[in-house]
Amino acid sequence: MTIAEVARFLFVSRSHVRRLLENGDLDGALGHDGEYIVDEGSVRRYRQELDERVRRYLDTQTEEDEPPGL
């Protein structure tokens, strides 16, 4: 996948995708044209981890949880 494709898939900016690559959160390599080619499997795993974190967070929330002052 290209950086632009990954950004669309994850709903993030291209610079954020580059940061994820630099941090090792996504696997990728420079192609012949100097553009990163990102491993689709690593992108799907990353998205699955994000979805799981969101799901866990939402599971901890109840209707009794209100922001202070409301």
PDB file of N, CA and C in Angstrom:
ATOM      1  N   MET A   1       0.845  -1.172   0.000  1.00  0.00           N
ATOM      2  CA  MET A   1       0.000   0.000   0.000  1.00  0.00           C
ATOM      3  C   MET A   1       0.894   1.240   0.000  1.00  0.00           C
ATOM      4  N   THR A   2       0.415   2.282  -0.632  1.00  0.00           N
ATOM      5  CA  THR A   2       1.152   3.544  -0.595  1.00  0.00           C
ATOM      6  C   THR A   2       0.816   4.285   0.695  1.00  0.00           C
ATOM      7  N   ILE A   3       1.592   5.301   0.999  1.00  0.00           N
ATOM      8  CA  ILE A   3       1.332   6.100   2.191  1.00  0.00           C
ATOM      9  C   ILE A   3      -0.045   6.745   2.101  1.00  0.00           C
ATOM     10  N   ALA A   4      -0.424   7.230   0.924  1.00  0.00           N
ATOM     11  CA  ALA A   4      -1.739   7.849   0.754  1.00  0.00           C
ATOM     12  C   ALA A   4      -2.865   6.840   0.982  1.00  0.00           C
ATOM     13  N   GLU A   5      -2.708   5.623   0.499  1.00  0.00           N
ATOM     14  CA  GLU A   5      -3.722   4.588   0.696  1.00  0.00           C
ATOM     15  C   GLU A   5      -3.861   4.239   2.180  1.00  0.00           C
ATOM     16  N   VAL A   6      -2.734   4.138   2.853  1.00  0.00           N
ATOM     17  CA  VAL A   6      -2.759   3.825   4.292  1.00  0.00           C
ATOM     18  C   VAL A   6      -3.443   4.958   5.055  1.00  0.00           C
ATOM     19  N   ALA A   7      -3.123   6.191   4.697  1.00  0.00           N
ATOM     20  CA  ALA A   7      -3.724   7.354   5.366  1.00  0.00           C
ATOM     21  C   ALA A   7      -5.243   7.330   5.204  1.00  0.00           C
ATOM     22  N   ARG A   8      -5.729   7.029   4.020  1.00  0.00           N
ATOM     23  CA  ARG A   8      -7.181   6.944   3.800  1.00  0.00           C
ATOM     24  C   ARG A   8      -7.794   5.796   4.606  1.00  0.00           C
ATOM     25  N   PHE A   9      -7.113   4.669   4.632  1.00  0.00           N
ATOM     26  CA  PHE A   9      -7.630   3.487   5.337  1.00  0.00           C
ATOM     27  C   PHE A   9      -7.728   3.731   6.841  1.00  0.00           C
ATOM     28  N   LEU A  10      -6.715   4.408   7.397  1.00  0.00           N
ATOM     29  CA  LEU A  10      -6.672   4.655   8.841  1.00  0.00           C
ATOM     30  C   LEU A  10      -7.324   5.973   9.245  1.00  0.00           C
ATOM     31  N   PHE A  11      -7.722   6.794   8.268  1.00  0.00           N
ATOM     32  CA  PHE A  11      -8.299   8.114   8.525  1.00  0.00           C
ATOM     33  C   PHE A  11      -7.318   9.008   9.273  1.00  0.00           C
ATOM     34  N   VAL A  12      -6.068   9.025   8.807  1.00  0.00           N
ATOM     35  CA  VAL A  12      -5.031   9.867   9.396  1.00  0.00           C
ATOM     36  C   VAL A  12      -4.297  10.596   8.267  1.00  0.00           C
ATOM     37  N   SER A  13      -3.414  11.496   8.627  1.00  0.00           N
ATOM     38  CA  SER A  13      -2.638  12.224   7.625  1.00  0.00           C
ATOM     39  C   SER A  13      -1.473  11.374   7.112  1.00  0.00           C
ATOM     40  N   ARG A  14      -0.943  11.761   5.974  1.00  0.00           N
ATOM     41  CA  ARG A  14       0.223  11.061   5.417  1.00  0.00           C
ATOM     42  C   ARG A  14       1.429  11.218   6.335  1.00  0.00           C
ATOM     43  N   SER A  15       1.562  12.392   6.971  1.00  0.00           N
ATOM     44  CA  SER A  15       2.695  12.585   7.884  1.00  0.00           C
ATOM     45  C   SER A  15       2.569  11.665   9.097  1.00  0.00           C
ATOM     46  N   HIS A  16       1.344  11.397   9.534  1.00  0.00           N
ATOM     47  CA  HIS A  16       1.152  10.468  10.656  1.00  0.00           C
ATOM     48  C   HIS A  16       1.559   9.053  10.241  1.00  0.00           C
ATOM     49  N   VAL A  17       1.230   8.669   9.008  1.00  0.00           N
ATOM     50  CA  VAL A  17       1.637   7.349   8.509  1.00  0.00           C
ATOM     51  C   VAL A  17       3.160   7.254   8.489  1.00  0.00           C
ATOM     52  N   ARG A  18       3.832   8.304   8.041  1.00  0.00           N
ATOM     53  CA  ARG A  18       5.299   8.301   8.038  1.00  0.00           C
ATOM     54  C   ARG A  18       5.846   8.129   9.459  1.00  0.00           C
ATOM     55  N   ARG A  19       5.208   8.805  10.408  1.00  0.00           N
ATOM     56  CA  ARG A  19       5.622   8.680  11.809  1.00  0.00           C
ATOM     57  C   ARG A  19       5.422   7.248  12.302  1.00  0.00           C
ATOM     58  N   LEU A  20       4.301   6.617  11.934  1.00  0.00           N
ATOM     59  CA  LEU A  20       4.055   5.230  12.324  1.00  0.00           C
ATOM     60  C   LEU A  20       5.124   4.311  11.735  1.00  0.00           C
ATOM     61  N   LEU A  21       5.542   4.591  10.509  1.00  0.00           N
ATOM     62  CA  LEU A  21       6.611   3.804   9.886  1.00  0.00           C
ATOM     63  C   LEU A  21       7.929   4.011  10.621  1.00  0.00           C
ATOM     64  N   GLU A  22       8.254   5.255  10.931  1.00  0.00           N
ATOM     65  CA  GLU A  22       9.503   5.565  11.627  1.00  0.00           C
ATOM     66  C   GLU A  22       9.544   4.939  13.020  1.00  0.00           C
ATOM     67  N   ASN A  23       8.379   4.878  13.680  1.00  0.00           N
ATOM     68  CA  ASN A  23       8.305   4.311  15.034  1.00  0.00           C
ATOM     69  C   ASN A  23       8.234   2.789  15.030  1.00  0.00           C
ATOM     70  N   GLY A  24       8.089   2.190  13.847  1.00  0.00           N
ATOM     71  CA  GLY A  24       8.011   0.745  13.760  1.00  0.00           C
ATOM     72  C   GLY A  24       6.619   0.181  13.999  1.00  0.00           C
ATOM     73  N   ASP A  25       5.617   1.060  14.064  1.00  0.00           N
ATOM     74  CA  ASP A  25       4.242   0.592  14.247  1.00  0.00           C
ATOM     75  C   ASP A  25       3.691  -0.043  12.981  1.00  0.00           C
ATOM     76  N   LEU A  26       4.228   0.343  11.842  1.00  0.00           N
ATOM     77  CA  LEU A  26       3.870  -0.238  10.545  1.00  0.00           C
ATOM     78  C   LEU A  26       5.137  -0.719   9.868  1.00  0.00           C
ATOM     79  N   ASP A  27       5.010  -1.773   9.064  1.00  0.00           N
ATOM     80  CA  ASP A  27       6.153  -2.300   8.309  1.00  0.00           C
ATOM     81  C   ASP A  27       6.098  -1.753   6.896  1.00  0.00           C
ATOM     82  N   GLY A  28       7.230  -1.298   6.427  1.00  0.00           N
ATOM     83  CA  GLY A  28       7.302  -0.789   5.067  1.00  0.00           C
ATOM     84  C   GLY A  28       8.733  -0.731   4.595  1.00  0.00           C
ATOM     85  N   ALA A  29       8.882  -0.495   3.302  1.00  0.00           N
ATOM     86  CA  ALA A  29      10.209  -0.392   2.708  1.00  0.00           C
ATOM     87  C   ALA A  29      10.147   0.633   1.586  1.00  0.00           C
ATOM     88  N   LEU A  30      11.274   1.233   1.313  1.00  0.00           N
ATOM     89  CA  LEU A  30      11.349   2.171   0.201  1.00  0.00           C
ATOM     90  C   LEU A  30      11.336   1.408  -1.114  1.00  0.00           C
ATOM     91  N   GLY A  31      10.473   1.844  -2.018  1.00  0.00           N
ATOM     92  CA  GLY A  31      10.413   1.232  -3.333  1.00  0.00           C
ATOM     93  C   GLY A  31      11.481   1.817  -4.252  1.00  0.00           C
ATOM     94  N   HIS A  32      11.504   1.365  -5.486  1.00  0.00           N
ATOM     95  CA  HIS A  32      12.492   1.833  -6.470  1.00  0.00           C
ATOM     96  C   HIS A  32      12.340   3.316  -6.760  1.00  0.00           C
ATOM     97  N   ASP A  33      11.130   3.835  -6.625  1.00  0.00           N
ATOM     98  CA  ASP A  33      10.887   5.240  -6.923  1.00  0.00           C
ATOM     99  C   ASP A  33      11.079   6.150  -5.713  1.00  0.00           C
ATOM    100  N   GLY A  34      11.531   5.592  -4.593  1.00  0.00           N
ATOM    101  CA  GLY A  34      11.769   6.378  -3.385  1.00  0.00           C
ATOM    102  C   GLY A  34      10.552   6.536  -2.502  1.00  0.00           C
ATOM    103  N   GLU A  35       9.423   5.985  -2.918  1.00  0.00           N
ATOM    104  CA  GLU A  35       8.203   6.025  -2.123  1.00  0.00           C
ATOM    105  C   GLU A  35       8.125   4.777  -1.243  1.00  0.00           C
ATOM    106  N   TYR A  36       7.568   4.953  -0.049  1.00  0.00           N
ATOM    107  CA  TYR A  36       7.375   3.815   0.833  1.00  0.00           C
ATOM    108  C   TYR A  36       6.295   2.900   0.285  1.00  0.00           C
ATOM    109  N   ILE A  37       6.518   1.617   0.403  1.00  0.00           N
ATOM    110  CA  ILE A  37       5.510   0.597   0.170  1.00  0.00           C
ATOM    111  C   ILE A  37       5.243  -0.011   1.543  1.00  0.00           C
ATOM    112  N   VAL A  38       4.010   0.119   2.011  1.00  0.00           N
ATOM    113  CA  VAL A  38       3.655  -0.304   3.356  1.00  0.00           C
ATOM    114  C   VAL A  38       2.987  -1.674   3.283  1.00  0.00           C
ATOM    115  N   ASP A  39       3.406  -2.563   4.173  1.00  0.00           N
ATOM    116  CA  ASP A  39       2.862  -3.905   4.239  1.00  0.00           C
ATOM    117  C   ASP A  39       1.393  -3.850   4.669  1.00  0.00           C
ATOM    118  N   GLU A  40       0.506  -4.366   3.820  1.00  0.00           N
ATOM    119  CA  GLU A  40      -0.931  -4.308   4.098  1.00  0.00           C
ATOM    120  C   GLU A  40      -1.298  -5.064   5.377  1.00  0.00           C
ATOM    121  N   GLY A  41      -0.631  -6.165   5.642  1.00  0.00           N
ATOM    122  CA  GLY A  41      -0.901  -6.927   6.853  1.00  0.00           C
ATOM    123  C   GLY A  41      -0.630  -6.120   8.111  1.00  0.00           C
ATOM    124  N   SER A  42       0.462  -5.359   8.113  1.00  0.00           N
ATOM    125  CA  SER A  42       0.782  -4.553   9.295  1.00  0.00           C
ATOM    126  C   SER A  42      -0.233  -3.427   9.468  1.00  0.00           C
ATOM    127  N   VAL A  43      -0.747  -2.901   8.356  1.00  0.00           N
ATOM    128  CA  VAL A  43      -1.762  -1.849   8.431  1.00  0.00           C
ATOM    129  C   VAL A  43      -3.051  -2.413   9.018  1.00  0.00           C
ATOM    130  N   ARG A  44      -3.450  -3.578   8.559  1.00  0.00           N
ATOM    131  CA  ARG A  44      -4.687  -4.197   9.066  1.00  0.00           C
ATOM    132  C   ARG A  44      -4.553  -4.559  10.547  1.00  0.00           C
ATOM    133  N   ARG A  45      -3.369  -5.051  10.949  1.00  0.00           N
ATOM    134  CA  ARG A  45      -3.149  -5.362  12.367  1.00  0.00           C
ATOM    135  C   ARG A  45      -3.223  -4.100  13.217  1.00  0.00           C
ATOM    136  N   TYR A  46      -2.602  -3.017  12.722  1.00  0.00           N
ATOM    137  CA  TYR A  46      -2.617  -1.755  13.451  1.00  0.00           C
ATOM    138  C   TYR A  46      -4.052  -1.261  13.607  1.00  0.00           C
ATOM    139  N   ARG A  47      -4.828  -1.316  12.536  1.00  0.00           N
ATOM    140  CA  ARG A  47      -6.230  -0.875  12.581  1.00  0.00           C
ATOM    141  C   ARG A  47      -7.032  -1.743  13.552  1.00  0.00           C
ATOM    142  N   GLN A  48      -6.779  -3.038  13.543  1.00  0.00           N
ATOM    143  CA  GLN A  48      -7.480  -3.951  14.450  1.00  0.00           C
ATOM    144  C   GLN A  48      -7.144  -3.621  15.908  1.00  0.00           C
ATOM    145  N   GLU A  49      -5.883  -3.310  16.191  1.00  0.00           N
ATOM    146  CA  GLU A  49      -5.473  -2.929  17.541  1.00  0.00           C
ATOM    147  C   GLU A  49      -6.165  -1.642  17.975  1.00  0.00           C
ATOM    148  N   LEU A  50      -6.244  -0.668  17.064  1.00  0.00           N
ATOM    149  CA  LEU A  50      -6.935   0.584  17.376  1.00  0.00           C
ATOM    150  C   LEU A  50      -8.402   0.331  17.679  1.00  0.00           C
ATOM    151  N   ASP A  51      -9.046  -0.462  16.832  1.00  0.00           N
ATOM    152  CA  ASP A  51     -10.461  -0.778  17.041  1.00  0.00           C
ATOM    153  C   ASP A  51     -10.678  -1.470  18.375  1.00  0.00           C
ATOM    154  N   GLU A  52      -9.767  -2.363  18.740  1.00  0.00           N
ATOM    155  CA  GLU A  52      -9.876  -3.073  20.011  1.00  0.00           C
ATOM    156  C   GLU A  52      -9.721  -2.117  21.191  1.00  0.00           C
ATOM    157  N   ARG A  53      -8.790  -1.173  21.099  1.00  0.00           N
ATOM    158  CA  ARG A  53      -8.610  -0.184  22.169  1.00  0.00           C
ATOM    159  C   ARG A  53      -9.862   0.672  22.335  1.00  0.00           C
ATOM    160  N   VAL A  54     -10.446   1.074  21.216  1.00  0.00           N
ATOM    161  CA  VAL A  54     -11.683   1.862  21.273  1.00  0.00           C
ATOM    162  C   VAL A  54     -12.794   1.048  21.912  1.00  0.00           C
ATOM    163  N   ARG A  55     -12.923  -0.202  21.496  1.00  0.00           N
ATOM    164  CA  ARG A  55     -13.960  -1.073  22.030  1.00  0.00           C
ATOM    165  C   ARG A  55     -13.799  -1.249  23.549  1.00  0.00           C
ATOM    166  N   ARG A  56     -12.556  -1.471  24.002  1.00  0.00           N
ATOM    167  CA  ARG A  56     -12.313  -1.627  25.444  1.00  0.00           C
ATOM    168  C   ARG A  56     -12.668  -0.360  26.199  1.00  0.00           C
ATOM    169  N   TYR A  57     -12.298   0.786  25.630  1.00  0.00           N
ATOM    170  CA  TYR A  57     -12.621   2.066  26.283  1.00  0.00           C
ATOM    171  C   TYR A  57     -14.132   2.244  26.377  1.00  0.00           C
ATOM    172  N   LEU A  58     -14.828   2.016  25.287  1.00  0.00           N
ATOM    173  CA  LEU A  58     -16.280   2.199  25.286  1.00  0.00           C
ATOM    174  C   LEU A  58     -16.969   1.234  26.241  1.00  0.00           C
ATOM    175  N   ASP A  59     -16.416   0.044  26.403  1.00  0.00           N
ATOM    176  CA  ASP A  59     -16.986  -0.926  27.337  1.00  0.00           C
ATOM    177  C   ASP A  59     -16.884  -0.453  28.786  1.00  0.00           C
ATOM    178  N   THR A  60     -15.924   0.417  29.087  1.00  0.00           N
ATOM    179  CA  THR A  60     -15.761   0.903  30.455  1.00  0.00           C
ATOM    180  C   THR A  60     -16.691   2.064  30.759  1.00  0.00           C
ATOM    181  N   GLN A  61     -17.299   2.649  29.744  1.00  0.00           N
ATOM    182  CA  GLN A  61     -18.155   3.822  29.931  1.00  0.00           C
ATOM    183  C   GLN A  61     -19.597   3.397  30.227  1.00  0.00           C
ATOM    184  N   THR A  62     -20.207   4.105  31.148  1.00  0.00           N
ATOM    185  CA  THR A  62     -21.611   3.868  31.466  1.00  0.00           C
ATOM    186  C   THR A  62     -22.341   5.197  31.401  1.00  0.00           C
ATOM    187  N   GLU A  63     -23.650   5.131  31.443  1.00  0.00           N
ATOM    188  CA  GLU A  63     -24.419   6.374  31.399  1.00  0.00           C
ATOM    189  C   GLU A  63     -24.233   7.188  32.675  1.00  0.00           C
ATOM    190  N   GLU A  64     -23.795   6.553  33.756  1.00  0.00           N
ATOM    191  CA  GLU A  64     -23.546   7.292  34.991  1.00  0.00           C
ATOM    192  C   GLU A  64     -22.276   8.136  34.909  1.00  0.00           C
ATOM    193  N   ASP A  65     -21.384   7.783  33.965  1.00  0.00           N
ATOM    194  CA  ASP A  65     -20.138   8.532  33.818  1.00  0.00           C
ATOM    195  C   ASP A  65     -20.438   9.852  33.129  1.00  0.00           C
ATOM    196  N   GLU A  66     -20.342  10.933  33.883  1.00  0.00           N
ATOM    197  CA  GLU A  66     -20.571  12.255  33.326  1.00  0.00           C
ATOM    198  C   GLU A  66     -19.347  13.114  33.601  1.00  0.00           C
ATOM    199  N   PRO A  67     -19.052  14.030  32.710  1.00  0.00           N
ATOM    200  CA  PRO A  67     -17.950  14.940  32.972  1.00  0.00           C
ATOM    201  C   PRO A  67     -18.230  15.771  34.222  1.00  0.00           C
ATOM    202  N   PRO A  68     -17.203  16.135  34.968  1.00  0.00           N
ATOM    203  CA  PRO A  68     -17.408  16.940  36.178  1.00  0.00           C
ATOM    204  C   PRO A  68     -18.152  18.238  35.844  1.00  0.00           C
ATOM    205  N   GLY A  69     -19.049  18.632  36.720  1.00  0.00           N
ATOM    206  CA  GLY A  69     -19.746  19.907  36.554  1.00  0.00           C
ATOM    207  C   GLY A  69     -21.036  19.817  35.781  1.00  0.00           C
ATOM    208  N   LEU A  70     -21.426  18.615  35.347  1.00  0.00           N
ATOM    209  CA  LEU A  70     -22.689  18.527  34.615  1.00  0.00           C
ATOM    210  C   LEU A  70     -23.791  17.974  35.476  1.00  0.00           C
TER     211      LEU A  70
END
